């Protein structure tokens, strides 16, 4: 499968998807760690992809989403942004309502 199709499938099949360095239990950079903390603070499960163990995704996701940095949060197929945007939304109370609305009653897998 083409890597762009793989990315599209991940984005479309997960209501809340975080592309990050490492895993939520072991983030491998400060930006990923801060983003995970904001998401965990919302109280919902979310899917993630470790871009460090997926170099093709790491190379091609910035092209797919037209966003150059990581982490990247995707909600309902839409790129929300990176660490600064996510943390700002969390501080304003906007992130929880966005995540709650996206998740609804479904429980996404822990790893896309």
PDB file of N, CA and C in Angstrom:
ATOM      1  N   UNK A   1       0.845  -1.184   0.000  1.00  0.00           N
ATOM      2  CA  UNK A   1       0.000   0.000   0.000  1.00  0.00           C
ATOM      3  C   UNK A   1       0.888   1.245   0.000  1.00  0.00           C
ATOM      4  N   UNK A   2       0.501   2.233  -0.750  1.00  0.00           N
ATOM      5  CA  UNK A   2       1.192   3.509  -0.806  1.00  0.00           C
ATOM      6  C   UNK A   2       1.156   4.176   0.577  1.00  0.00           C
ATOM      7  N   UNK A   3       2.236   4.839   0.966  1.00  0.00           N
ATOM      8  CA  UNK A   3       2.319   5.437   2.299  1.00  0.00           C
ATOM      9  C   UNK A   3       1.264   6.527   2.497  1.00  0.00           C
ATOM     10  N   UNK A   4       0.950   7.262   1.454  1.00  0.00           N
ATOM     11  CA  UNK A   4      -0.088   8.291   1.575  1.00  0.00           C
ATOM     12  C   UNK A   4      -1.459   7.649   1.825  1.00  0.00           C
ATOM     13  N   UNK A   5      -1.695   6.496   1.219  1.00  0.00           N
ATOM     14  CA  UNK A   5      -2.943   5.766   1.479  1.00  0.00           C
ATOM     15  C   UNK A   5      -2.958   5.251   2.916  1.00  0.00           C
ATOM     16  N   UNK A   6      -1.809   4.814   3.405  1.00  0.00           N
ATOM     17  CA  UNK A   6      -1.712   4.353   4.789  1.00  0.00           C
ATOM     18  C   UNK A   6      -2.044   5.486   5.751  1.00  0.00           C
ATOM     19  N   UNK A   7      -1.451   6.638   5.514  1.00  0.00           N
ATOM     20  CA  UNK A   7      -1.716   7.800   6.373  1.00  0.00           C
ATOM     21  C   UNK A   7      -3.190   8.175   6.298  1.00  0.00           C
ATOM     22  N   UNK A   8      -3.730   8.244   5.097  1.00  0.00           N
ATOM     23  CA  UNK A   8      -5.149   8.593   4.931  1.00  0.00           C
ATOM     24  C   UNK A   8      -6.024   7.608   5.692  1.00  0.00           C
ATOM     25  N   UNK A   9      -5.712   6.321   5.598  1.00  0.00           N
ATOM     26  CA  UNK A   9      -6.485   5.309   6.324  1.00  0.00           C
ATOM     27  C   UNK A   9      -6.406   5.496   7.827  1.00  0.00           C
ATOM     28  N   UNK A  10      -5.231   5.817   8.340  1.00  0.00           N
ATOM     29  CA  UNK A  10      -5.080   6.051   9.780  1.00  0.00           C
ATOM     30  C   UNK A  10      -5.900   7.266  10.216  1.00  0.00           C
ATOM     31  N   UNK A  11      -5.788   8.341   9.468  1.00  0.00           N
ATOM     32  CA  UNK A  11      -6.477   9.586   9.807  1.00  0.00           C
ATOM     33  C   UNK A  11      -7.992   9.395   9.750  1.00  0.00           C
ATOM     34  N   UNK A  12      -8.460   8.686   8.735  1.00  0.00           N
ATOM     35  CA  UNK A  12      -9.903   8.515   8.551  1.00  0.00           C
ATOM     36  C   UNK A  12     -10.514   7.471   9.477  1.00  0.00           C
ATOM     37  N   UNK A  13      -9.723   6.522   9.961  1.00  0.00           N
ATOM     38  CA  UNK A  13     -10.300   5.449  10.778  1.00  0.00           C
ATOM     39  C   UNK A  13     -10.167   5.690  12.287  1.00  0.00           C
ATOM     40  N   UNK A  14      -9.564   6.807  12.684  1.00  0.00           N
ATOM     41  CA  UNK A  14      -9.422   7.123  14.105  1.00  0.00           C
ATOM     42  C   UNK A  14      -9.975   8.512  14.378  1.00  0.00           C
ATOM     43  N   UNK A  15     -10.948   8.593  15.267  1.00  0.00           N
ATOM     44  CA  UNK A  15     -11.560   9.884  15.583  1.00  0.00           C
ATOM     45  C   UNK A  15     -10.543  10.861  16.147  1.00  0.00           C
ATOM     46  N   UNK A  16      -9.663  10.370  16.994  1.00  0.00           N
ATOM     47  CA  UNK A  16      -8.619  11.199  17.593  1.00  0.00           C
ATOM     48  C   UNK A  16      -7.298  10.461  17.424  1.00  0.00           C
ATOM     49  N   UNK A  17      -6.396  11.060  16.659  1.00  0.00           N
ATOM     50  CA  UNK A  17      -5.130  10.415  16.318  1.00  0.00           C
ATOM     51  C   UNK A  17      -3.984  11.392  16.532  1.00  0.00           C
ATOM     52  N   UNK A  18      -2.995  10.949  17.290  1.00  0.00           N
ATOM     53  CA  UNK A  18      -1.812  11.765  17.547  1.00  0.00           C
ATOM     54  C   UNK A  18      -0.598  11.112  16.897  1.00  0.00           C
ATOM     55  N   UNK A  19       0.044  11.829  16.007  1.00  0.00           N
ATOM     56  CA  UNK A  19       1.336  11.419  15.470  1.00  0.00           C
ATOM     57  C   UNK A  19       2.379  12.065  16.364  1.00  0.00           C
ATOM     58  N   UNK A  20       3.200  11.224  16.993  1.00  0.00           N
ATOM     59  CA  UNK A  20       4.121  11.739  18.002  1.00  0.00           C
ATOM     60  C   UNK A  20       5.438  10.996  17.977  1.00  0.00           C
ATOM     61  N   UNK A  21       6.394  11.522  18.717  1.00  0.00           N
ATOM     62  CA  UNK A  21       7.674  10.845  18.903  1.00  0.00           C
ATOM     63  C   UNK A  21       7.574  10.026  20.179  1.00  0.00           C
ATOM     64  N   UNK A  22       7.609   8.701  20.026  1.00  0.00           N
ATOM     65  CA  UNK A  22       7.465   7.801  21.160  1.00  0.00           C
ATOM     66  C   UNK A  22       6.027   7.354  21.324  1.00  0.00           C
ATOM     67  N   UNK A  23       5.675   7.031  22.567  1.00  0.00           N
ATOM     68  CA  UNK A  23       4.323   6.583  22.887  1.00  0.00           C
ATOM     69  C   UNK A  23       3.794   7.435  24.039  1.00  0.00           C
ATOM     70  N   UNK A  24       2.487   7.399  24.279  1.00  0.00           N
ATOM     71  CA  UNK A  24       1.961   8.175  25.398  1.00  0.00           C
ATOM     72  C   UNK A  24       2.619   7.824  26.738  1.00  0.00           C
ATOM     73  N   UNK A  25       2.997   6.556  26.922  1.00  0.00           N
ATOM     74  CA  UNK A  25       3.659   6.150  28.160  1.00  0.00           C
ATOM     75  C   UNK A  25       5.130   6.532  28.191  1.00  0.00           C
ATOM     76  N   UNK A  26       5.741   6.697  27.021  1.00  0.00           N
ATOM     77  CA  UNK A  26       7.154   7.064  26.927  1.00  0.00           C
ATOM     78  C   UNK A  26       7.388   8.034  25.775  1.00  0.00           C
ATOM     79  N   UNK A  27       6.926   9.273  25.937  1.00  0.00           N
ATOM     80  CA  UNK A  27       7.180  10.259  24.886  1.00  0.00           C
ATOM     81  C   UNK A  27       8.689  10.482  24.732  1.00  0.00           C
ATOM     82  N   UNK A  28       9.121  10.696  23.497  1.00  0.00           N
ATOM     83  CA  UNK A  28      10.544  10.844  23.215  1.00  0.00           C
ATOM     84  C   UNK A  28      10.954  12.286  22.923  1.00  0.00           C
ATOM     85  N   UNK A  29      10.071  13.240  23.193  1.00  0.00           N
ATOM     86  CA  UNK A  29      10.435  14.654  23.113  1.00  0.00           C
ATOM     87  C   UNK A  29       9.482  15.448  23.989  1.00  0.00           C
ATOM     88  N   UNK A  30       9.913  16.610  24.385  1.00  0.00           N
ATOM     89  CA  UNK A  30       9.113  17.453  25.270  1.00  0.00           C
ATOM     90  C   UNK A  30       7.797  17.884  24.655  1.00  0.00           C
ATOM     91  N   UNK A  31       7.792  18.172  23.353  1.00  0.00           N
ATOM     92  CA  UNK A  31       6.561  18.599  22.694  1.00  0.00           C
ATOM     93  C   UNK A  31       5.529  17.475  22.689  1.00  0.00           C
ATOM     94  N   UNK A  32       5.978  16.265  22.399  1.00  0.00           N
ATOM     95  CA  UNK A  32       5.065  15.120  22.438  1.00  0.00           C
ATOM     96  C   UNK A  32       4.558  14.898  23.857  1.00  0.00           C
ATOM     97  N   UNK A  33       5.424  15.039  24.847  1.00  0.00           N
ATOM     98  CA  UNK A  33       5.037  14.859  26.247  1.00  0.00           C
ATOM     99  C   UNK A  33       3.964  15.870  26.663  1.00  0.00           C
ATOM    100  N   UNK A  34       4.162  17.118  26.310  1.00  0.00           N
ATOM    101  CA  UNK A  34       3.184  18.158  26.666  1.00  0.00           C
ATOM    102  C   UNK A  34       1.846  17.920  25.968  1.00  0.00           C
ATOM    103  N   UNK A  35       1.902  17.495  24.719  1.00  0.00           N
ATOM    104  CA  UNK A  35       0.673  17.232  23.975  1.00  0.00           C
ATOM    105  C   UNK A  35      -0.083  16.055  24.581  1.00  0.00           C
ATOM    106  N   UNK A  36       0.633  14.994  24.931  1.00  0.00           N
ATOM    107  CA  UNK A  36       0.007  13.833  25.571  1.00  0.00           C
ATOM    108  C   UNK A  36      -0.646  14.242  26.886  1.00  0.00           C
ATOM    109  N   UNK A  37       0.032  15.056  27.690  1.00  0.00           N
ATOM    110  CA  UNK A  37      -0.536  15.504  28.960  1.00  0.00           C
ATOM    111  C   UNK A  37      -1.850  16.248  28.736  1.00  0.00           C
ATOM    112  N   UNK A  38      -1.894  17.098  27.724  1.00  0.00           N
ATOM    113  CA  UNK A  38      -3.125  17.826  27.411  1.00  0.00           C
ATOM    114  C   UNK A  38      -4.234  16.866  26.994  1.00  0.00           C
ATOM    115  N   UNK A  39      -3.901  15.888  26.153  1.00  0.00           N
ATOM    116  CA  UNK A  39      -4.907  14.923  25.702  1.00  0.00           C
ATOM    117  C   UNK A  39      -5.382  14.034  26.844  1.00  0.00           C
ATOM    118  N   UNK A  40      -4.461  13.560  27.670  1.00  0.00           N
ATOM    119  CA  UNK A  40      -4.838  12.724  28.811  1.00  0.00           C
ATOM    120  C   UNK A  40      -5.746  13.518  29.750  1.00  0.00           C
ATOM    121  N   UNK A  41      -5.487  14.807  29.861  1.00  0.00           N
ATOM    122  CA  UNK A  41      -6.327  15.670  30.697  1.00  0.00           C
ATOM    123  C   UNK A  41      -7.766  15.752  30.230  1.00  0.00           C
ATOM    124  N   UNK A  42      -8.017  15.364  28.990  1.00  0.00           N
ATOM    125  CA  UNK A  42      -9.388  15.369  28.464  1.00  0.00           C
ATOM    126  C   UNK A  42     -10.172  14.141  28.915  1.00  0.00           C
ATOM    127  N   UNK A  43      -9.465  13.114  29.405  1.00  0.00           N
ATOM    128  CA  UNK A  43     -10.137  11.937  29.952  1.00  0.00           C
ATOM    129  C   UNK A  43     -10.657  10.948  28.927  1.00  0.00           C
ATOM    130  N   UNK A  44     -10.225  11.054  27.684  1.00  0.00           N
ATOM    131  CA  UNK A  44     -10.664  10.131  26.648  1.00  0.00           C
ATOM    132  C   UNK A  44      -9.454   9.387  26.097  1.00  0.00           C
ATOM    133  N   UNK A  45      -9.699   8.183  25.600  1.00  0.00           N
ATOM    134  CA  UNK A  45      -8.630   7.436  24.929  1.00  0.00           C
ATOM    135  C   UNK A  45      -8.411   8.018  23.544  1.00  0.00           C
ATOM    136  N   UNK A  46      -7.205   7.870  23.026  1.00  0.00           N
ATOM    137  CA  UNK A  46      -6.888   8.342  21.689  1.00  0.00           C
ATOM    138  C   UNK A  46      -5.880   7.389  21.064  1.00  0.00           C
ATOM    139  N   UNK A  47      -5.889   7.361  19.760  1.00  0.00           N
ATOM    140  CA  UNK A  47      -4.935   6.542  19.020  1.00  0.00           C
ATOM    141  C   UNK A  47      -3.665   7.354  18.790  1.00  0.00           C
ATOM    142  N   UNK A  48      -2.571   6.636  18.572  1.00  0.00           N
ATOM    143  CA  UNK A  48      -1.306   7.330  18.294  1.00  0.00           C
ATOM    144  C   UNK A  48      -0.467   6.509  17.329  1.00  0.00           C
ATOM    145  N   UNK A  49       0.451   7.197  16.680  1.00  0.00           N
ATOM    146  CA  UNK A  49       1.448   6.554  15.825  1.00  0.00           C
ATOM    147  C   UNK A  49       2.797   7.126  16.229  1.00  0.00           C
ATOM    148  N   UNK A  50       3.726   6.241  16.542  1.00  0.00           N
ATOM    149  CA  UNK A  50       5.095   6.638  16.869  1.00  0.00           C
ATOM    150  C   UNK A  50       5.845   6.858  15.558  1.00  0.00           C
ATOM    151  N   UNK A  51       6.131   8.104  15.242  1.00  0.00           N
ATOM    152  CA  UNK A  51       6.803   8.399  13.973  1.00  0.00           C
ATOM    153  C   UNK A  51       8.269   7.987  13.984  1.00  0.00           C
ATOM    154  N   UNK A  52       8.848   7.803  15.168  1.00  0.00           N
ATOM    155  CA  UNK A  52      10.243   7.373  15.242  1.00  0.00           C
ATOM    156  C   UNK A  52      10.402   5.935  14.769  1.00  0.00           C
ATOM    157  N   UNK A  53       9.393   5.103  14.994  1.00  0.00           N
ATOM    158  CA  UNK A  53       9.460   3.721  14.531  1.00  0.00           C
ATOM    159  C   UNK A  53       8.776   3.532  13.172  1.00  0.00           C
ATOM    160  N   UNK A  54       8.306   4.637  12.587  1.00  0.00           N
ATOM    161  CA  UNK A  54       7.670   4.617  11.267  1.00  0.00           C
ATOM    162  C   UNK A  54       8.274   5.720  10.399  1.00  0.00           C
ATOM    163  N   UNK A  55       9.515   5.523   9.927  1.00  0.00           N
ATOM    164  CA  UNK A  55      10.205   6.599   9.213  1.00  0.00           C
ATOM    165  C   UNK A  55       9.504   7.068   7.932  1.00  0.00           C
ATOM    166  N   UNK A  56       8.794   6.165   7.251  1.00  0.00           N
ATOM    167  CA  UNK A  56       8.078   6.593   6.047  1.00  0.00           C
ATOM    168  C   UNK A  56       6.952   7.560   6.396  1.00  0.00           C
ATOM    169  N   UNK A  57       6.271   7.303   7.501  1.00  0.00           N
ATOM    170  CA  UNK A  57       5.221   8.218   7.947  1.00  0.00           C
ATOM    171  C   UNK A  57       5.845   9.536   8.383  1.00  0.00           C
ATOM    172  N   UNK A  58       6.950   9.464   9.103  1.00  0.00           N
ATOM    173  CA  UNK A  58       7.635  10.677   9.557  1.00  0.00           C
ATOM    174  C   UNK A  58       8.028  11.558   8.372  1.00  0.00           C
ATOM    175  N   UNK A  59       8.457  10.955   7.295  1.00  0.00           N
ATOM    176  CA  UNK A  59       8.879  11.701   6.110  1.00  0.00           C
ATOM    177  C   UNK A  59       7.691  12.263   5.332  1.00  0.00           C
ATOM    178  N   UNK A  60       6.613  11.504   5.229  1.00  0.00           N
ATOM    179  CA  UNK A  60       5.507  11.873   4.342  1.00  0.00           C
ATOM    180  C   UNK A  60       4.349  12.598   5.000  1.00  0.00           C
ATOM    181  N   UNK A  61       4.169  12.468   6.299  1.00  0.00           N
ATOM    182  CA  UNK A  61       3.037  13.137   6.955  1.00  0.00           C
ATOM    183  C   UNK A  61       3.096  14.653   6.808  1.00  0.00           C
ATOM    184  N   UNK A  62       4.266  15.296   6.913  1.00  0.00           N
ATOM    185  CA  UNK A  62       4.288  16.752   6.706  1.00  0.00           C
ATOM    186  C   UNK A  62       3.777  17.171   5.324  1.00  0.00           C
ATOM    187  N   UNK A  63       3.981  16.341   4.320  1.00  0.00           N
ATOM    188  CA  UNK A  63       3.466  16.620   2.988  1.00  0.00           C
ATOM    189  C   UNK A  63       1.950  16.410   2.973  1.00  0.00           C
ATOM    190  N   UNK A  64       1.506  15.295   3.549  1.00  0.00           N
ATOM    191  CA  UNK A  64       0.076  14.961   3.569  1.00  0.00           C
ATOM    192  C   UNK A  64      -0.736  16.052   4.259  1.00  0.00           C
ATOM    193  N   UNK A  65      -0.273  16.489   5.433  1.00  0.00           N
ATOM    194  CA  UNK A  65      -1.034  17.453   6.212  1.00  0.00           C
ATOM    195  C   UNK A  65      -0.627  18.898   6.007  1.00  0.00           C
ATOM    196  N   UNK A  66       0.411  19.126   5.193  1.00  0.00           N
ATOM    197  CA  UNK A  66       0.935  20.475   4.992  1.00  0.00           C
ATOM    198  C   UNK A  66       1.261  21.135   6.339  1.00  0.00           C
ATOM    199  N   UNK A  67       1.884  20.347   7.221  1.00  0.00           N
ATOM    200  CA  UNK A  67       2.280  20.807   8.556  1.00  0.00           C
ATOM    201  C   UNK A  67       3.661  20.216   8.814  1.00  0.00           C
ATOM    202  N   UNK A  68       4.683  21.044   9.033  1.00  0.00           N
ATOM    203  CA  UNK A  68       6.059  20.547   9.017  1.00  0.00           C
ATOM    204  C   UNK A  68       6.559  19.867  10.287  1.00  0.00           C
ATOM    205  N   UNK A  69       5.871  20.044  11.403  1.00  0.00           N
ATOM    206  CA  UNK A  69       6.436  19.586  12.674  1.00  0.00           C
ATOM    207  C   UNK A  69       5.595  18.501  13.332  1.00  0.00           C
ATOM    208  N   UNK A  70       6.175  17.916  14.370  1.00  0.00           N
ATOM    209  CA  UNK A  70       5.511  16.899  15.192  1.00  0.00           C
ATOM    210  C   UNK A  70       5.561  17.354  16.635  1.00  0.00           C
ATOM    211  N   UNK A  71       4.589  16.960  17.417  1.00  0.00           N
ATOM    212  CA  UNK A  71       3.449  16.075  17.123  1.00  0.00           C
ATOM    213  C   UNK A  71       2.393  16.765  16.258  1.00  0.00           C
ATOM    214  N   UNK A  72       1.497  15.940  15.740  1.00  0.00           N
ATOM    215  CA  UNK A  72       0.353  16.409  14.977  1.00  0.00           C
ATOM    216  C   UNK A  72      -0.892  15.719  15.515  1.00  0.00           C
ATOM    217  N   UNK A  73      -1.901  16.517  15.848  1.00  0.00           N
ATOM    218  CA  UNK A  73      -3.171  15.962  16.317  1.00  0.00           C
ATOM    219  C   UNK A  73      -4.208  16.089  15.206  1.00  0.00           C
ATOM    220  N   UNK A  74      -4.834  14.953  14.901  1.00  0.00           N
ATOM    221  CA  UNK A  74      -5.898  14.886  13.909  1.00  0.00           C
ATOM    222  C   UNK A  74      -7.184  14.471  14.619  1.00  0.00           C
ATOM    223  N   UNK A  75      -8.262  15.205  14.384  1.00  0.00           N
ATOM    224  CA  UNK A  75      -9.562  14.898  14.981  1.00  0.00           C
ATOM    225  C   UNK A  75     -10.592  14.841  13.859  1.00  0.00           C
ATOM    226  N   UNK A  76     -11.273  13.709  13.780  1.00  0.00           N
ATOM    227  CA  UNK A  76     -12.284  13.487  12.734  1.00  0.00           C
ATOM    228  C   UNK A  76     -11.742  13.833  11.345  1.00  0.00           C
ATOM    229  N   UNK A  77     -10.506  13.390  11.072  1.00  0.00           N
ATOM    230  CA  UNK A  77      -9.917  13.573   9.757  1.00  0.00           C
ATOM    231  C   UNK A  77      -9.352  14.952   9.492  1.00  0.00           C
ATOM    232  N   UNK A  78      -9.389  15.848  10.466  1.00  0.00           N
ATOM    233  CA  UNK A  78      -8.915  17.215  10.286  1.00  0.00           C
ATOM    234  C   UNK A  78      -7.689  17.463  11.155  1.00  0.00           C
ATOM    235  N   UNK A  79      -6.671  18.056  10.574  1.00  0.00           N
ATOM    236  CA  UNK A  79      -5.484  18.427  11.328  1.00  0.00           C
ATOM    237  C   UNK A  79      -5.827  19.595  12.248  1.00  0.00           C
ATOM    238  N   UNK A  80      -5.627  19.389  13.549  1.00  0.00           N
ATOM    239  CA  UNK A  80      -5.878  20.444  14.530  1.00  0.00           C
ATOM    240  C   UNK A  80      -4.624  21.282  14.724  1.00  0.00           C
ATOM    241  N   UNK A  81      -3.475  20.624  14.824  1.00  0.00           N
ATOM    242  CA  UNK A  81      -2.221  21.355  14.952  1.00  0.00           C
ATOM    243  C   UNK A  81      -1.219  20.608  15.787  1.00  0.00           C
ATOM    244  N   UNK A  82      -0.220  21.346  16.245  1.00  0.00           N
ATOM    245  CA  UNK A  82       0.865  20.780  17.026  1.00  0.00           C
ATOM    246  C   UNK A  82       0.774  21.135  18.492  1.00  0.00           C
ATOM    247  N   UNK A  83       1.892  21.011  19.168  1.00  0.00           N
ATOM    248  CA  UNK A  83       1.947  21.152  20.617  1.00  0.00           C
ATOM    249  C   UNK A  83       1.395  22.487  21.111  1.00  0.00           C
ATOM    250  N   UNK A  84       1.863  23.591  20.556  1.00  0.00           N
ATOM    251  CA  UNK A  84       1.436  24.903  21.050  1.00  0.00           C
ATOM    252  C   UNK A  84      -0.067  25.102  20.913  1.00  0.00           C
ATOM    253  N   UNK A  85      -0.611  24.716  19.775  1.00  0.00           N
ATOM    254  CA  UNK A  85      -2.048  24.866  19.537  1.00  0.00           C
ATOM    255  C   UNK A  85      -2.834  23.983  20.496  1.00  0.00           C
ATOM    256  N   UNK A  86      -2.412  22.728  20.650  1.00  0.00           N
ATOM    257  CA  UNK A  86      -3.120  21.782  21.512  1.00  0.00           C
ATOM    258  C   UNK A  86      -3.073  22.250  22.969  1.00  0.00           C
ATOM    259  N   UNK A  87      -1.914  22.662  23.431  1.00  0.00           N
ATOM    260  CA  UNK A  87      -1.788  23.128  24.822  1.00  0.00           C
ATOM    261  C   UNK A  87      -2.599  24.393  25.054  1.00  0.00           C
ATOM    262  N   UNK A  88      -2.625  25.292  24.070  1.00  0.00           N
ATOM    263  CA  UNK A  88      -3.434  26.502  24.179  1.00  0.00           C
ATOM    264  C   UNK A  88      -4.922  26.152  24.238  1.00  0.00           C
ATOM    265  N   UNK A  89      -5.357  25.242  23.384  1.00  0.00           N
ATOM    266  CA  UNK A  89      -6.761  24.805  23.409  1.00  0.00           C
ATOM    267  C   UNK A  89      -7.102  24.160  24.754  1.00  0.00           C
ATOM    268  N   UNK A  90      -6.165  23.364  25.286  1.00  0.00           N
ATOM    269  CA  UNK A  90      -6.388  22.723  26.583  1.00  0.00           C
ATOM    270  C   UNK A  90      -6.521  23.773  27.677  1.00  0.00           C
ATOM    271  N   UNK A  91      -5.635  24.747  27.682  1.00  0.00           N
ATOM    272  CA  UNK A  91      -5.671  25.811  28.700  1.00  0.00           C
ATOM    273  C   UNK A  91      -6.960  26.613  28.644  1.00  0.00           C
ATOM    274  N   UNK A  92      -7.530  26.778  27.446  1.00  0.00           N
ATOM    275  CA  UNK A  92      -8.767  27.536  27.269  1.00  0.00           C
ATOM    276  C   UNK A  92     -10.011  26.677  27.489  1.00  0.00           C
ATOM    277  N   UNK A  93      -9.823  25.354  27.680  1.00  0.00           N
ATOM    278  CA  UNK A  93     -10.956  24.458  27.859  1.00  0.00           C
ATOM    279  C   UNK A  93     -11.609  24.017  26.562  1.00  0.00           C
ATOM    280  N   UNK A  94     -11.001  24.340  25.432  1.00  0.00           N
ATOM    281  CA  UNK A  94     -11.585  24.002  24.135  1.00  0.00           C
ATOM    282  C   UNK A  94     -11.275  22.578  23.695  1.00  0.00           C
ATOM    283  N   UNK A  95     -10.153  22.044  24.146  1.00  0.00           N
ATOM    284  CA  UNK A  95      -9.719  20.722  23.679  1.00  0.00           C
ATOM    285  C   UNK A  95     -10.652  19.622  24.164  1.00  0.00           C
ATOM    286  N   UNK A  96     -11.038  19.669  25.430  1.00  0.00           N
ATOM    287  CA  UNK A  96     -11.894  18.613  25.991  1.00  0.00           C
ATOM    288  C   UNK A  96     -13.214  18.509  25.239  1.00  0.00           C
ATOM    289  N   UNK A  97     -13.854  19.624  24.950  1.00  0.00           N
ATOM    290  CA  UNK A  97     -15.136  19.560  24.235  1.00  0.00           C
ATOM    291  C   UNK A  97     -14.941  19.030  22.818  1.00  0.00           C
ATOM    292  N   UNK A  98     -13.846  19.405  22.160  1.00  0.00           N
ATOM    293  CA  UNK A  98     -13.552  18.891  20.820  1.00  0.00           C
ATOM    294  C   UNK A  98     -13.355  17.377  20.854  1.00  0.00           C
ATOM    295  N   UNK A  99     -12.572  16.903  21.816  1.00  0.00           N
ATOM    296  CA  UNK A  99     -12.288  15.467  21.929  1.00  0.00           C
ATOM    297  C   UNK A  99     -13.547  14.707  22.333  1.00  0.00           C
ATOM    298  N   UNK A 100     -14.283  15.216  23.317  1.00  0.00           N
ATOM    299  CA  UNK A 100     -15.512  14.550  23.759  1.00  0.00           C
ATOM    300  C   UNK A 100     -16.499  14.407  22.608  1.00  0.00           C
ATOM    301  N   UNK A 101     -16.638  15.451  21.821  1.00  0.00           N
ATOM    302  CA  UNK A 101     -17.561  15.409  20.686  1.00  0.00           C
ATOM    303  C   UNK A 101     -17.092  14.396  19.637  1.00  0.00           C
ATOM    304  N   UNK A 102     -15.796  14.351  19.396  1.00  0.00           N
ATOM    305  CA  UNK A 102     -15.252  13.429  18.396  1.00  0.00           C
ATOM    306  C   UNK A 102     -15.376  11.973  18.815  1.00  0.00           C
ATOM    307  N   UNK A 103     -15.145  11.705  20.083  1.00  0.00           N
ATOM    308  CA  UNK A 103     -15.160  10.330  20.584  1.00  0.00           C
ATOM    309  C   UNK A 103     -16.577   9.799  20.720  1.00  0.00           C
ATOM    310  N   UNK A 104     -17.459  10.597  21.273  1.00  0.00           N
ATOM    311  CA  UNK A 104     -18.814  10.121  21.506  1.00  0.00           C
ATOM    312  C   UNK A 104     -18.772   8.876  22.378  1.00  0.00           C
ATOM    313  N   UNK A 105     -19.415   7.809  21.932  1.00  0.00           N
ATOM    314  CA  UNK A 105     -19.467   6.555  22.681  1.00  0.00           C
ATOM    315  C   UNK A 105     -18.428   5.556  22.236  1.00  0.00           C
ATOM    316  N   UNK A 106     -17.644   5.876  21.216  1.00  0.00           N
ATOM    317  CA  UNK A 106     -16.688   4.900  20.702  1.00  0.00           C
ATOM    318  C   UNK A 106     -15.390   4.932  21.480  1.00  0.00           C
ATOM    319  N   UNK A 107     -14.691   3.816  21.460  1.00  0.00           N
ATOM    320  CA  UNK A 107     -13.380   3.717  22.111  1.00  0.00           C
ATOM    321  C   UNK A 107     -12.350   3.365  21.037  1.00  0.00           C
ATOM    322  N   UNK A 108     -11.486   4.333  20.665  1.00  0.00           N
ATOM    323  CA  UNK A 108     -10.492   4.039  19.643  1.00  0.00           C
ATOM    324  C   UNK A 108      -9.400   3.123  20.187  1.00  0.00           C
ATOM    325  N   UNK A 109      -8.711   2.493  19.273  1.00  0.00           N
ATOM    326  CA  UNK A 109      -7.564   1.672  19.665  1.00  0.00           C
ATOM    327  C   UNK A 109      -6.471   2.574  20.214  1.00  0.00           C
ATOM    328  N   UNK A 110      -5.616   2.026  21.045  1.00  0.00           N
ATOM    329  CA  UNK A 110      -4.543   2.795  21.649  1.00  0.00           C
ATOM    330  C   UNK A 110      -3.414   3.057  20.656  1.00  0.00           C
ATOM    331  N   UNK A 111      -3.301   2.257  19.620  1.00  0.00           N
ATOM    332  CA  UNK A 111      -2.231   2.424  18.642  1.00  0.00           C
ATOM    333  C   UNK A 111      -2.814   2.208  17.251  1.00  0.00           C
ATOM    334  N   UNK A 112      -2.651   3.208  16.388  1.00  0.00           N
ATOM    335  CA  UNK A 112      -3.213   3.124  15.028  1.00  0.00           C
ATOM    336  C   UNK A 112      -2.378   2.160  14.210  1.00  0.00           C
TER     337      UNK A 112
END
